[in-house]
């Protein structure tokens, strides 16, 4: 039986840091670790700068 759970969870907590979040997500997207082995979870604490 195969395990579909990711090996790594990347958790990003943000509040009104839209540009930092964009840079962080872009860096994660561009890394070479297999995309099947990780998940990205973004937690936003009610930002008012357009962070979604």
N, C-alpha and C. Protein backbone atom coordinates (compact mmCIF):
# COMPACT_ATOMS: atom_id res chain seq x y z
N UNK A 1 0.84 -1.17 0.00
CA UNK A 1 0.00 0.00 0.00
C UNK A 1 0.90 1.24 0.00
N UNK A 2 0.58 2.22 -0.85
CA UNK A 2 1.38 3.44 -0.89
C UNK A 2 0.86 4.45 0.13
N UNK A 3 1.77 5.27 0.61
CA UNK A 3 1.43 6.30 1.57
C UNK A 3 1.38 7.63 0.83
N UNK A 4 0.22 8.29 0.81
CA UNK A 4 0.06 9.55 0.09
C UNK A 4 0.34 10.77 0.95
N UNK A 5 0.78 10.57 2.18
CA UNK A 5 1.08 11.69 3.06
C UNK A 5 2.42 12.32 2.66
N UNK A 6 2.50 13.65 2.72
CA UNK A 6 3.77 14.30 2.39
C UNK A 6 4.82 14.01 3.45
N UNK A 7 6.07 14.03 3.04
CA UNK A 7 7.19 13.83 3.94
C UNK A 7 7.47 15.10 4.74
N UNK A 8 7.25 16.25 4.11
CA UNK A 8 7.56 17.54 4.72
C UNK A 8 6.35 18.45 4.61
N UNK A 9 6.04 19.16 5.69
CA UNK A 9 5.02 20.20 5.68
C UNK A 9 5.72 21.54 5.89
N UNK A 10 5.50 22.46 4.96
CA UNK A 10 6.03 23.81 5.08
C UNK A 10 4.88 24.68 5.55
N UNK A 11 5.00 25.23 6.75
CA UNK A 11 3.93 26.04 7.32
C UNK A 11 4.41 27.48 7.38
N UNK A 12 3.64 28.36 6.74
CA UNK A 12 3.99 29.78 6.69
C UNK A 12 2.88 30.55 7.39
N UNK A 13 3.25 31.29 8.42
CA UNK A 13 2.29 32.13 9.13
C UNK A 13 2.56 33.57 8.71
N UNK A 14 1.49 34.29 8.33
CA UNK A 14 1.70 35.63 7.80
C UNK A 14 0.63 36.60 8.30
N UNK A 15 1.01 37.86 8.34
CA UNK A 15 0.07 38.95 8.63
C UNK A 15 0.60 40.20 7.94
N UNK A 16 -0.13 40.67 6.95
CA UNK A 16 0.22 41.88 6.20
C UNK A 16 1.66 41.86 5.67
N UNK A 17 2.04 40.77 5.07
CA UNK A 17 3.38 40.62 4.48
C UNK A 17 3.25 40.02 3.08
N UNK A 18 2.42 40.63 2.25
CA UNK A 18 2.12 40.06 0.94
C UNK A 18 3.39 39.86 0.10
N UNK A 19 4.31 40.83 0.09
CA UNK A 19 5.52 40.69 -0.73
C UNK A 19 6.44 39.60 -0.19
N UNK A 20 6.57 39.51 1.11
CA UNK A 20 7.39 38.46 1.71
C UNK A 20 6.79 37.09 1.40
N UNK A 21 5.47 36.99 1.50
CA UNK A 21 4.79 35.73 1.21
C UNK A 21 4.99 35.33 -0.25
N UNK A 22 4.86 36.28 -1.17
CA UNK A 22 5.08 35.98 -2.59
C UNK A 22 6.50 35.46 -2.82
N UNK A 23 7.48 36.11 -2.22
CA UNK A 23 8.87 35.67 -2.38
C UNK A 23 9.09 34.29 -1.80
N UNK A 24 8.50 34.04 -0.65
CA UNK A 24 8.64 32.75 0.02
C UNK A 24 8.03 31.64 -0.83
N UNK A 25 6.82 31.86 -1.34
CA UNK A 25 6.15 30.85 -2.16
C UNK A 25 6.90 30.61 -3.47
N UNK A 26 7.44 31.67 -4.03
CA UNK A 26 8.22 31.52 -5.27
C UNK A 26 9.48 30.69 -5.01
N UNK A 27 10.13 30.93 -3.88
CA UNK A 27 11.33 30.16 -3.53
C UNK A 27 11.00 28.69 -3.33
N UNK A 28 9.87 28.42 -2.69
CA UNK A 28 9.44 27.03 -2.49
C UNK A 28 9.15 26.38 -3.84
N UNK A 29 8.47 27.11 -4.71
CA UNK A 29 8.14 26.59 -6.04
C UNK A 29 9.39 26.25 -6.85
N UNK A 30 10.45 27.03 -6.68
CA UNK A 30 11.66 26.86 -7.49
C UNK A 30 12.67 25.88 -6.91
N UNK A 31 12.43 25.35 -5.74
CA UNK A 31 13.40 24.40 -5.16
C UNK A 31 13.29 23.06 -5.88
N UNK A 32 14.23 22.17 -5.63
CA UNK A 32 14.32 20.93 -6.41
C UNK A 32 13.78 19.70 -5.70
N UNK A 33 13.30 19.84 -4.50
CA UNK A 33 12.71 18.71 -3.77
C UNK A 33 11.44 18.28 -4.51
N UNK A 34 11.20 17.00 -4.63
CA UNK A 34 10.04 16.50 -5.37
C UNK A 34 8.74 17.06 -4.80
N UNK A 35 7.91 17.62 -5.67
CA UNK A 35 6.66 18.23 -5.24
C UNK A 35 5.68 17.22 -4.65
N UNK A 36 5.90 15.95 -4.91
CA UNK A 36 5.04 14.91 -4.33
C UNK A 36 5.36 14.64 -2.87
N UNK A 37 6.48 15.18 -2.39
CA UNK A 37 6.93 14.85 -1.04
C UNK A 37 6.71 15.97 -0.02
N UNK A 38 6.09 17.08 -0.44
CA UNK A 38 5.86 18.15 0.52
C UNK A 38 4.51 18.82 0.27
N UNK A 39 4.05 19.51 1.31
CA UNK A 39 2.84 20.32 1.21
C UNK A 39 3.17 21.69 1.77
N UNK A 40 2.43 22.70 1.32
CA UNK A 40 2.61 24.06 1.82
C UNK A 40 1.29 24.50 2.44
N UNK A 41 1.37 24.94 3.68
CA UNK A 41 0.20 25.42 4.41
C UNK A 41 0.47 26.88 4.76
N UNK A 42 -0.42 27.78 4.33
CA UNK A 42 -0.29 29.20 4.65
C UNK A 42 -1.40 29.56 5.62
N UNK A 43 -1.01 30.16 6.74
CA UNK A 43 -1.96 30.61 7.75
C UNK A 43 -1.90 32.13 7.77
N UNK A 44 -3.04 32.77 7.45
CA UNK A 44 -3.12 34.22 7.43
C UNK A 44 -3.99 34.68 8.60
N UNK A 45 -3.51 35.65 9.34
CA UNK A 45 -4.22 36.13 10.53
C UNK A 45 -5.02 37.40 10.23
N UNK A 46 -5.83 37.35 9.17
CA UNK A 46 -6.72 38.47 8.86
C UNK A 46 -6.02 39.65 8.23
N UNK A 47 -5.06 39.41 7.36
CA UNK A 47 -4.33 40.49 6.70
C UNK A 47 -5.27 41.43 5.98
N UNK A 48 -4.86 42.70 5.90
CA UNK A 48 -5.65 43.71 5.21
C UNK A 48 -4.90 44.29 4.00
N UNK A 49 -3.80 43.64 3.61
CA UNK A 49 -2.98 44.14 2.51
C UNK A 49 -3.17 43.35 1.21
N UNK A 50 -4.20 42.53 1.14
CA UNK A 50 -4.46 41.75 -0.06
C UNK A 50 -3.91 40.34 0.00
N UNK A 51 -3.26 39.98 1.09
CA UNK A 51 -2.77 38.61 1.27
C UNK A 51 -3.96 37.67 1.27
N UNK A 52 -3.86 36.60 0.46
CA UNK A 52 -4.96 35.62 0.40
C UNK A 52 -4.38 34.24 0.46
